[in-house]
C-alpha cells in the first residue's frame, strides 16, 4: 500500500512541476556558458566580416561576390556556434546538478533530490520561486548590436575610393588612338599590305607597353606624335602613288599605241616611278596588287604589256585606290582630298596642276609661257642639289693670309690646264638642275644631349 502511494506521489503534478523547473535551470546555466564562449567569436566574425565587405565593395567585385560573402559569413557564424558549444560543454551542468543548485537557492536542503529518488513525496508547487540565476543581457546585446552595426555600416556606407578606382582609367594618348583606328580601317578595307599594318601596330604596342602612368610624359607624347606623323606620311605617299599610277595606267590603256612615242615613254616612266614608290614605300598596297607588280619595269610597261594586261593593272590600281580612299574618309582626322592635294596633275598653261584630276593650280615648267601664279613651296626630305655650296681651292704662290678680294693671284702663259672630268656649274653660273618651284628642307643641328634624347625615344632606321 505504501509503495503504491509513493509511486503516485512521484508521478503526480508536483513531480512534473519541479522536474520542469530543474531542466529549465540546467538549460539556463548551459546557455550562459555557451554565450560566454561564443560572444568573442561573434565579435571577431563581425570585425573580419565588415572588413572583408568593405574590401569587396572597394574593389567593386559585384553583387555575386557580395552574395557569396553573406553565405560565407552565415556559414562561419554557424561553425563558430558549434565550436563554442564544443568548447563550453565541459562546463555544462547536468539536471541533477541543477536540482542541487535549485534546492540550495530555495533552502530546501535535499527535498527535491530525495523526492526524485522516491524517498519522500514532492513538495507542493510554489507561486513565487526565488530563481537562483539572473541573466544579464547587457553584454550579449551589446556584442550583437556592435556586430550588426559594423556589418550594416560596411554594407551601406558610401565608399568614394571605390567609385574613384572605377573611374580612374588612363586613356591612351590621342595620337595612338588615331593611329589604331587608321590601321583598323585600312585592314577592314584591305587597302594596304597586312605586314605594313602590323609593323605600325607593333610600334603602337611598343609605346603602350610602358607603364600607363608614363603615357602622358613629354617623351611618350612626342614619340606618339612622331608615329602619327610618320604614319600620315606613309598613307599620303601610298595615296599619291596609287593615284598617279592609276592615272598613267588608264592613259596608256585608253590611248595605247596611238600615243606618240615620247608621250608613251613619259607615261611609262611616270607609271614606273609610281610603282617603284608603291613597292618601296613604308605602307605598301594590298597583297594582290603587290603580286601583280612584282618584276614590273619601265621597259615592260611600255612594250611588253598588252592592252588587256594594262587594263587589268589599271583596274587593280583603281580598286586599291578606292579602298584606300574609303578607309581614309572613315578615319578620324584624315581626308582623301587632303592627302592628294598639291600633287601634279593636268593644269593650265605649260605647268602641271594639282589634285587627283589636275584641276587645281600646280607647279609650272618655268619660262615666259608657264602657268599663272607662283609654285607652292613644298617640304621635302632632301634639299635640291644645285651645287651652290661646293668648295673650290685656290692655287697661288703668294701669301694667302694677306689676300684681299680683287687681288691678282698670278699670270701664266700658254695653254690652260683643265680638268676634263670636272662637272661644275654651267655657263654664266646656271644651275646644274632646273628647279621645280623650290624646296624647304628642315635641318637640325643637335648637341650630344639632344641626340641621346632622340636615341632614347626613337630607334635608328
Protein backbone atom coordinates (compact mmCIF):
# COMPACT_ATOMS: atom_id res chain seq x y z
CA UNK A 1 0.00 0.00 0.00
CA UNK A 2 2.82 2.47 0.88
CA UNK A 3 4.80 1.64 -2.29
CA UNK A 4 1.76 2.30 -4.48
CA UNK A 5 1.10 5.61 -2.70
CA UNK A 6 4.77 6.66 -3.15
CA UNK A 7 4.62 5.94 -6.88
CA UNK A 8 1.51 8.04 -7.21
CA UNK A 9 3.29 10.92 -5.40
CA UNK A 10 6.34 10.60 -7.64
CA UNK A 11 4.37 10.75 -10.87
CA UNK A 12 1.99 13.45 -9.80
CA UNK A 13 1.58 17.05 -10.84
CA UNK A 14 4.17 18.27 -8.30
CA UNK A 15 6.84 15.99 -9.79
CA UNK A 16 6.28 17.42 -13.29
CA UNK A 17 6.42 20.96 -11.93
CA UNK A 18 9.72 20.53 -10.09
CA UNK A 19 11.33 18.47 -12.86
CA UNK A 20 10.50 21.17 -15.43
CA UNK A 21 11.96 23.83 -13.12
CA UNK A 22 15.13 21.77 -12.77
CA UNK A 23 15.55 21.29 -16.55
CA UNK A 24 14.89 24.98 -17.15
CA UNK A 25 17.63 25.90 -14.69
CA UNK A 26 20.05 23.47 -16.35
CA UNK A 27 19.33 24.95 -19.79
CA UNK A 28 19.87 28.47 -18.46
CA UNK A 29 23.21 27.59 -16.93
CA UNK A 30 24.41 25.79 -20.05
CA UNK A 31 23.22 28.61 -22.34
CA UNK A 32 25.13 31.11 -20.22
CA UNK A 33 28.31 29.10 -20.55
CA UNK A 34 27.76 28.79 -24.32
CA UNK A 35 27.23 32.54 -24.69
CA UNK A 36 30.36 33.16 -22.64
CA UNK A 37 32.39 31.22 -25.20
CA UNK A 38 30.53 32.35 -28.34
CA UNK A 39 30.47 36.14 -27.88
CA UNK A 40 34.20 36.59 -28.64
CA UNK A 41 33.74 34.53 -31.79
CA UNK A 42 30.77 36.69 -32.76
CA UNK A 43 32.69 39.91 -32.28
CA UNK A 44 35.65 38.58 -34.25
CA UNK A 45 33.36 37.47 -37.08
CA UNK A 46 31.80 40.94 -37.12
CA UNK A 47 35.17 42.68 -37.36
CA UNK A 48 36.56 40.35 -40.03
CA UNK A 49 33.28 40.30 -41.94
CA UNK A 50 32.87 44.07 -42.03
CA UNK A 51 36.48 44.50 -43.14
CA UNK A 52 36.03 41.91 -45.88
CA UNK A 53 32.80 43.52 -47.04
CA UNK A 54 34.44 46.94 -47.24
CA UNK A 55 37.30 45.45 -49.26
CA UNK A 56 34.87 43.75 -51.66
CA UNK A 57 32.99 46.99 -52.22
CA UNK A 58 36.21 48.96 -52.60
CA UNK A 59 37.42 46.50 -55.23
CA UNK A 60 33.98 46.63 -56.93
CA UNK A 61 33.65 42.85 -57.04
CA UNK A 62 29.95 42.96 -57.92
CA UNK A 63 26.71 41.67 -56.45
CA UNK A 64 27.57 38.00 -56.95
CA UNK A 65 30.66 38.31 -54.77
CA UNK A 66 28.61 40.13 -52.12
CA UNK A 67 26.03 37.33 -52.08
CA UNK A 68 28.74 34.71 -51.63
CA UNK A 69 30.16 36.83 -48.83
CA UNK A 70 26.89 36.74 -46.88
CA UNK A 71 26.65 32.97 -47.41
CA UNK A 72 30.21 32.51 -46.17
CA UNK A 73 29.54 34.78 -43.18
CA UNK A 74 26.45 32.77 -42.21
CA UNK A 75 28.42 29.53 -42.52
CA UNK A 76 31.21 30.99 -40.39
CA UNK A 77 28.66 32.02 -37.76
CA UNK A 78 27.22 28.51 -37.65
CA UNK A 79 30.67 26.97 -37.33
CA UNK A 80 31.54 29.39 -34.51
CA UNK A 81 28.35 28.45 -32.66
CA UNK A 82 29.20 24.76 -32.90
CA UNK A 83 32.78 25.43 -31.86
CA UNK A 84 31.65 27.46 -28.84
CA UNK A 85 29.27 24.67 -27.82
CA UNK A 86 32.06 22.08 -28.13
CA UNK A 87 34.42 24.23 -26.11
CA UNK A 88 31.86 25.04 -23.37
CA UNK A 89 30.26 21.61 -22.95
CA UNK A 90 32.85 20.54 -20.41
CA UNK A 91 31.38 23.19 -18.08
CA UNK A 92 27.73 22.30 -18.70
CA UNK A 93 25.61 21.26 -15.69
CA UNK A 94 23.51 18.14 -15.60
CA UNK A 95 19.91 18.04 -14.42
CA UNK A 96 20.97 16.57 -11.06
CA UNK A 97 23.50 19.40 -10.51
CA UNK A 98 20.82 21.94 -11.43
CA UNK A 99 18.44 20.29 -8.92
CA UNK A 100 21.02 20.72 -6.17
CA UNK A 101 21.50 24.39 -7.19
CA UNK A 102 17.70 24.91 -7.03
CA UNK A 103 17.47 23.24 -3.60
CA UNK A 104 20.24 25.45 -2.29
CA UNK A 105 18.60 28.60 -3.61
CA UNK A 106 15.18 27.69 -2.13
CA UNK A 107 16.72 26.41 1.12
CA UNK A 108 15.01 23.07 0.64
CA UNK A 109 18.08 21.09 1.65
CA UNK A 110 17.76 17.72 -0.18
CA UNK A 111 13.99 17.53 -0.50
CA UNK A 112 13.95 17.60 -4.31
CA UNK A 113 16.76 15.08 -4.58
CA UNK A 114 15.00 12.74 -2.12
CA UNK A 115 11.68 13.19 -3.91
CA UNK A 116 13.32 12.40 -7.26
CA UNK A 117 14.73 9.23 -5.66
CA UNK A 118 11.24 8.34 -4.36
CA UNK A 119 12.17 8.58 -0.72
CA UNK A 120 9.87 11.46 0.19
CA UNK A 121 6.89 12.97 -1.55
CA UNK A 122 7.30 16.00 -3.85
CA UNK A 123 6.69 19.30 -2.15
CA UNK A 124 3.78 21.43 -3.21
CA UNK A 125 4.07 23.94 -6.03
CA UNK A 126 5.08 27.46 -5.16
CA UNK A 127 3.57 30.60 -6.58
CA UNK A 128 6.78 32.61 -6.08
CA UNK A 129 10.14 30.95 -6.66
CA UNK A 130 13.39 32.71 -5.89
CA UNK A 131 15.32 31.83 -9.01
CA UNK A 132 18.98 31.05 -8.30
CA UNK A 133 20.31 32.73 -11.50
CA UNK A 134 19.71 36.06 -13.18
CA UNK A 135 20.86 36.55 -16.76
CA UNK A 136 22.33 39.95 -17.54
CA UNK A 137 21.59 40.58 -21.23
CA UNK A 138 23.60 43.79 -21.44
CA UNK A 139 26.82 42.20 -22.64
CA UNK A 140 25.31 39.79 -25.22
CA UNK A 141 23.06 42.54 -26.55
CA UNK A 142 25.97 44.97 -26.79
CA UNK A 143 28.09 42.46 -28.73
CA UNK A 144 25.21 41.59 -31.06
CA UNK A 145 24.37 45.26 -31.70
CA UNK A 146 28.04 46.08 -32.26
CA UNK A 147 28.43 43.27 -34.80
CA UNK A 148 25.21 44.10 -36.64
CA UNK A 149 26.10 47.81 -36.74
CA UNK A 150 29.55 47.13 -38.19
CA UNK A 151 28.14 44.88 -40.90
CA UNK A 152 25.38 47.38 -41.72
CA UNK A 153 27.84 50.24 -41.99
CA UNK A 154 30.15 48.16 -44.15
CA UNK A 155 27.21 47.33 -46.43
CA UNK A 156 25.68 50.81 -46.75
CA UNK A 157 28.32 53.44 -46.05
CA UNK A 158 29.42 55.27 -49.24
CA UNK A 159 32.95 54.47 -50.38
CA UNK A 160 34.31 57.26 -52.61
CA UNK A 161 37.53 55.33 -53.15
CA UNK A 162 35.63 52.52 -54.90
CA UNK A 163 33.99 54.90 -57.37
CA UNK A 164 37.27 56.71 -57.97
CA UNK A 165 39.04 53.41 -58.60
CA UNK A 166 36.47 52.50 -61.27
CA UNK A 167 36.64 55.92 -62.88
CA UNK A 168 40.44 56.21 -62.84
CA UNK A 169 41.04 54.73 -66.24
CA UNK A 170 44.04 56.14 -68.06
CA UNK A 171 43.11 56.61 -71.69
CA UNK A 172 45.61 56.07 -74.44
CA UNK A 173 47.20 59.17 -75.94
CA UNK A 174 45.01 60.61 -78.67
CA UNK A 175 47.72 60.18 -81.30
CA UNK A 176 47.99 56.44 -80.65
CA UNK A 177 44.21 56.01 -80.67
CA UNK A 178 44.05 57.74 -84.05
CA UNK A 179 46.77 55.50 -85.48
CA UNK A 180 45.00 52.38 -84.20
CA UNK A 181 41.72 53.49 -85.80
CA UNK A 182 43.51 54.23 -89.06
CA UNK A 183 45.02 50.78 -89.17
CA UNK A 184 41.66 49.18 -88.35
CA UNK A 185 40.02 50.96 -91.27
CA UNK A 186 42.89 50.13 -93.62
CA UNK A 187 42.67 46.45 -92.62
CA UNK A 188 38.88 46.35 -92.99
CA UNK A 189 39.04 47.84 -96.48
CA UNK A 190 42.08 45.70 -97.44
CA UNK A 191 43.75 48.88 -98.66
CA UNK A 192 47.31 48.03 -97.62
CA UNK A 193 49.58 45.07 -97.09
CA UNK A 194 48.99 43.27 -93.81
CA UNK A 195 52.68 43.24 -92.96
CA UNK A 196 52.85 47.03 -93.26
CA UNK A 197 49.83 47.42 -90.98
CA UNK A 198 51.33 45.03 -88.44
CA UNK A 199 54.58 46.99 -88.32
CA UNK A 200 52.68 50.16 -87.41
CA UNK A 201 50.65 48.29 -84.80
CA UNK A 202 53.84 46.87 -83.29
CA UNK A 203 55.18 50.39 -82.87
CA UNK A 204 51.94 51.42 -81.15
CA UNK A 205 52.10 48.37 -78.88
CA UNK A 206 55.72 49.13 -78.04
CA UNK A 207 54.75 52.59 -76.80
CA UNK A 208 51.78 51.21 -74.85
CA UNK A 209 53.99 48.66 -73.10
CA UNK A 210 55.32 51.47 -70.97
CA UNK A 211 53.56 51.95 -67.60
CA UNK A 212 50.23 53.73 -68.01
CA UNK A 213 51.39 56.42 -65.58
CA UNK A 214 54.11 57.36 -68.09
CA UNK A 215 51.88 57.60 -71.16
CA UNK A 216 51.49 61.35 -70.79
CA UNK A 217 55.12 62.16 -70.17
CA UNK A 218 56.74 64.54 -72.62
CA UNK A 219 58.87 61.83 -74.21
CA UNK A 220 55.97 59.41 -74.74
CA UNK A 221 53.69 62.08 -76.18
CA UNK A 222 56.45 63.23 -78.51
CA UNK A 223 57.05 59.67 -79.68
CA UNK A 224 53.30 59.17 -80.22
CA UNK A 225 53.03 62.37 -82.25
CA UNK A 226 56.06 61.35 -84.31
CA UNK A 227 54.50 57.94 -85.03
CA UNK A 228 51.25 59.63 -86.06
CA UNK A 229 53.09 61.98 -88.42
CA UNK A 230 55.14 59.12 -89.83
CA UNK A 231 52.02 57.04 -90.45
CA UNK A 232 50.30 60.03 -92.05
CA UNK A 233 53.24 60.48 -94.42
CA UNK A 234 53.20 56.80 -95.37
CA UNK A 235 49.47 56.89 -96.08
CA UNK A 236 49.89 60.11 -98.07
CA UNK A 237 52.67 58.57 -100.18
CA UNK A 238 50.55 55.48 -100.77
CA UNK A 239 47.56 57.58 -101.80
CA UNK A 240 49.57 59.74 -104.18
CA UNK A 241 51.45 56.85 -105.76
CA UNK A 242 48.20 54.94 -106.30
CA UNK A 243 46.55 58.00 -107.84
CA UNK A 244 49.46 58.77 -110.16
CA UNK A 245 49.90 55.13 -111.15
CA UNK A 246 46.19 54.72 -111.85
CA UNK A 247 46.16 57.90 -113.95
CA UNK A 248 49.18 56.84 -116.02
CA UNK A 249 47.93 53.27 -116.48
CA UNK A 250 44.49 54.50 -117.52
CA UNK A 251 46.05 56.87 -120.08
CA UNK A 252 48.24 54.11 -121.53
CA UNK A 253 45.34 51.69 -121.66
CA UNK A 254 42.99 54.21 -123.27
CA UNK A 255 45.33 55.55 -125.96
CA UNK A 256 47.65 52.60 -126.37
CA UNK A 257 49.92 52.71 -129.40
CA UNK A 258 48.13 55.77 -130.77
CA UNK A 259 50.18 58.00 -128.49
CA UNK A 260 53.45 59.43 -129.75
CA UNK A 261 56.46 57.50 -128.57
CA UNK A 262 57.74 60.40 -126.44
CA UNK A 263 54.39 60.75 -124.70
CA UNK A 264 54.09 56.98 -124.22
CA UNK A 265 57.59 56.82 -122.78
CA UNK A 266 56.84 59.72 -120.42
CA UNK A 267 53.68 57.99 -119.20
CA UNK A 268 55.58 54.71 -118.80
CA UNK A 269 58.28 56.46 -116.79
CA UNK A 270 55.66 58.13 -114.62
CA UNK A 271 53.91 54.80 -114.08
CA UNK A 272 57.19 53.07 -113.31
CA UNK A 273 58.14 55.79 -110.82
CA UNK A 274 54.79 55.45 -109.07
CA UNK A 275 55.01 51.66 -109.00
CA UNK A 276 58.50 51.81 -107.54
CA UNK A 277 57.17 54.15 -104.89
CA UNK A 278 54.41 51.67 -104.10
CA UNK A 279 56.84 48.75 -103.80
CA UNK A 280 59.41 50.67 -101.77
CA UNK A 281 57.13 52.76 -99.58
CA UNK A 282 56.64 52.31 -95.86
CA UNK A 283 52.96 51.49 -96.41
CA UNK A 284 52.63 49.08 -99.30
CA UNK A 285 49.41 48.40 -101.26
CA UNK A 286 47.31 45.27 -100.90
CA UNK A 287 48.86 41.84 -101.31
CA UNK A 288 47.00 41.16 -104.58
CA UNK A 289 48.33 44.34 -106.17
CA UNK A 290 51.84 43.66 -104.88
CA UNK A 291 51.84 40.24 -106.57
CA UNK A 292 50.82 41.85 -109.84
CA UNK A 293 53.54 44.49 -109.58
CA UNK A 294 56.40 42.07 -108.94
CA UNK A 295 59.06 42.31 -111.65
CA UNK A 296 57.48 45.26 -113.46
CA UNK A 297 59.86 47.74 -115.10
CA UNK A 298 59.58 50.75 -117.39
CA UNK A 299 60.52 48.68 -120.48
CA UNK A 300 57.86 46.07 -119.76
CA UNK A 301 55.28 48.78 -119.16
CA UNK A 302 55.99 50.44 -122.50
CA UNK A 303 56.37 47.38 -124.72
CA UNK A 304 55.58 44.02 -123.12
CA UNK A 305 52.13 44.63 -121.65
CA UNK A 306 49.14 44.12 -123.88
CA UNK A 307 46.11 46.43 -123.71
CA UNK A 308 44.24 43.76 -121.71
CA UNK A 309 47.07 43.47 -119.19
CA UNK A 310 47.33 47.24 -118.93
CA UNK A 311 43.57 47.40 -118.33
CA UNK A 312 43.87 44.75 -115.59
CA UNK A 313 46.61 46.78 -113.94
CA UNK A 314 44.57 49.97 -114.18
CA UNK A 315 41.55 48.20 -112.66
CA UNK A 316 43.67 46.78 -109.82
CA UNK A 317 45.16 50.19 -109.11
CA UNK A 318 41.71 51.79 -109.20
CA UNK A 319 40.31 49.16 -106.83
CA UNK A 320 43.14 49.62 -104.34
CA UNK A 321 42.89 53.42 -104.61
CA UNK A 322 39.13 53.31 -103.96
CA UNK A 323 39.63 51.03 -100.93
CA UNK A 324 42.25 53.38 -99.53
CA UNK A 325 40.00 56.38 -100.18
CA UNK A 326 37.14 54.73 -98.27
CA UNK A 327 39.45 53.83 -95.40
CA UNK A 328 40.89 57.34 -95.10
CA UNK A 329 37.49 59.02 -95.29
CA UNK A 330 36.26 56.83 -92.42
CA UNK A 331 39.36 57.51 -90.31
CA UNK A 332 39.47 60.35 -87.77
CA UNK A 333 41.45 63.47 -88.73
CA UNK A 334 42.19 62.08 -92.21
CA UNK A 335 40.69 63.03 -95.56
CA UNK A 336 41.37 61.74 -99.03
CA UNK A 337 41.27 65.16 -100.66
CA UNK A 338 43.87 66.49 -98.23
CA UNK A 339 46.10 63.52 -98.95
CA UNK A 340 46.18 64.01 -102.71
CA UNK A 341 46.12 67.83 -102.77
CA UNK A 342 49.04 69.79 -104.30
CA UNK A 343 50.12 66.81 -106.35
CA UNK A 344 50.95 67.16 -110.08
CA UNK A 345 48.03 66.96 -112.46
CA UNK A 346 46.72 68.37 -115.74
CA UNK A 347 46.70 72.15 -115.26
CA UNK A 348 46.54 75.30 -117.32
CA UNK A 349 49.46 76.69 -119.27
CA UNK A 350 52.69 74.79 -119.58
CA UNK A 351 52.67 73.91 -115.88
CA UNK A 352 51.07 70.92 -114.21
CA UNK A 353 48.02 71.36 -111.97
CA UNK A 354 47.36 69.75 -108.61
CA UNK A 355 44.73 67.40 -107.30
CA UNK A 356 43.74 63.90 -108.41
CA UNK A 357 42.25 65.24 -111.65
CA UNK A 358 44.76 68.08 -112.15
CA UNK A 359 42.10 70.79 -111.94
CA UNK A 360 43.91 72.99 -109.43
CA UNK A 361 46.95 75.19 -109.83
CA UNK A 362 50.27 73.42 -109.63
CA UNK A 363 53.93 73.72 -110.43
CA UNK A 364 54.95 75.18 -113.80
CA UNK A 365 57.76 74.33 -116.14
CA UNK A 366 59.30 77.79 -115.95
CA UNK A 367 59.81 80.30 -118.72
CA UNK A 368 57.57 83.00 -120.12
CA UNK A 369 54.85 80.54 -121.10
CA UNK A 370 54.49 78.91 -117.70
CA UNK A 371 51.16 78.63 -115.89
CA UNK A 372 49.85 81.55 -113.84
CA UNK A 373 50.77 82.06 -110.19
CA UNK A 374 53.76 81.00 -108.17
CA UNK A 375 54.64 77.44 -107.34
CA UNK A 376 53.92 76.36 -103.77
CA UNK A 377 56.89 75.68 -101.52
CA UNK A 378 56.73 72.04 -100.57
CA UNK A 379 58.54 70.45 -97.65
CA UNK A 380 60.93 67.74 -98.81
CA UNK A 381 63.17 65.28 -97.07
CA UNK A 382 66.31 66.22 -99.08
CA UNK A 383 67.31 69.62 -100.48
CA UNK A 384 67.51 70.31 -104.20
CA UNK A 385 71.09 69.71 -105.35
CA UNK A 386 72.28 72.68 -107.44
CA UNK A 387 75.94 72.61 -106.28
CA UNK A 388 75.87 76.07 -104.73
CA UNK A 389 77.87 75.04 -101.67
CA UNK A 390 80.65 73.09 -103.36
CA UNK A 391 84.03 74.41 -102.11
CA UNK A 392 86.83 75.14 -104.62
CA UNK A 393 90.50 75.53 -103.73
CA UNK A 394 92.58 78.47 -104.99
CA UNK A 395 96.04 77.66 -106.32
CA UNK A 396 98.51 80.52 -105.58
CA UNK A 397 102.14 81.10 -104.57
CA UNK A 398 101.51 84.34 -102.70
CA UNK A 399 100.72 84.78 -99.04
CA UNK A 400 97.11 83.74 -98.79
CA UNK A 401 96.73 85.35 -95.37
CA UNK A 402 97.20 88.80 -96.97
CA UNK A 403 94.95 88.19 -99.94
CA UNK A 404 92.00 90.50 -100.49
CA UNK A 405 89.12 90.30 -102.90
CA UNK A 406 90.20 91.59 -106.32
CA UNK A 407 93.95 90.94 -105.84
CA UNK A 408 95.84 89.46 -108.75
CA UNK A 409 96.85 85.94 -107.88
CA UNK A 410 99.13 85.05 -110.79
CA UNK A 411 99.61 85.29 -114.54
CA UNK A 412 100.60 82.43 -116.80
CA UNK A 413 101.50 81.97 -120.43
CA UNK A 414 100.49 79.06 -122.51
CA UNK A 415 97.57 76.69 -122.59
CA UNK A 416 95.26 76.49 -119.62
CA UNK A 417 95.22 73.26 -117.63
CA UNK A 418 91.68 72.00 -117.41
CA UNK A 419 90.14 69.08 -115.59
CA UNK A 420 88.28 67.08 -118.21
CA UNK A 421 86.32 65.11 -115.58
CA UNK A 422 85.17 68.18 -113.68
CA UNK A 423 81.46 68.87 -113.92
CA UNK A 424 80.84 72.23 -112.31
CA UNK A 425 78.24 74.93 -112.79
CA UNK A 426 77.08 75.61 -116.33
CA UNK A 427 77.75 78.68 -118.39
CA UNK A 428 77.05 82.02 -116.72
CA UNK A 429 76.54 80.27 -113.39
CA UNK A 430 73.47 78.29 -114.49
CA UNK A 431 72.07 75.75 -112.04
CA UNK A 432 73.03 72.14 -112.59
CA UNK A 433 69.39 71.07 -112.13
CA UNK A 434 66.28 73.02 -113.09
CA UNK A 435 64.28 73.98 -110.04
CA UNK A 436 60.70 72.73 -109.59
CA UNK A 437 59.46 75.63 -107.53
CA UNK A 438 61.93 75.35 -104.66
CA UNK A 439 62.02 73.01 -101.70
CA UNK A 440 62.02 73.84 -98.00
CA UNK A 441 64.23 71.48 -96.01
CA UNK A 442 64.15 71.03 -92.26
CA UNK A 443 67.70 70.73 -90.91
CA UNK A 444 68.54 70.07 -87.28
CA UNK A 445 71.85 70.74 -85.58
CA UNK A 446 71.69 68.71 -82.41
CA UNK A 447 74.01 68.78 -79.43
CA UNK A 448 75.07 65.44 -77.90
CA UNK A 449 72.43 65.60 -75.14
CA UNK A 450 69.70 66.12 -77.70
CA UNK A 451 70.96 63.21 -79.77
CA UNK A 452 70.85 60.99 -76.66
CA UNK A 453 67.26 62.06 -76.02
CA UNK A 454 66.25 61.16 -79.58
CA UNK A 455 68.03 57.80 -79.35
CA UNK A 456 66.15 57.13 -76.14
CA UNK A 457 62.71 57.52 -77.70
CA UNK A 458 63.30 56.58 -81.33
CA UNK A 459 65.01 53.64 -82.96
CA UNK A 460 67.57 54.03 -85.69
CA UNK A 461 66.12 53.04 -89.08
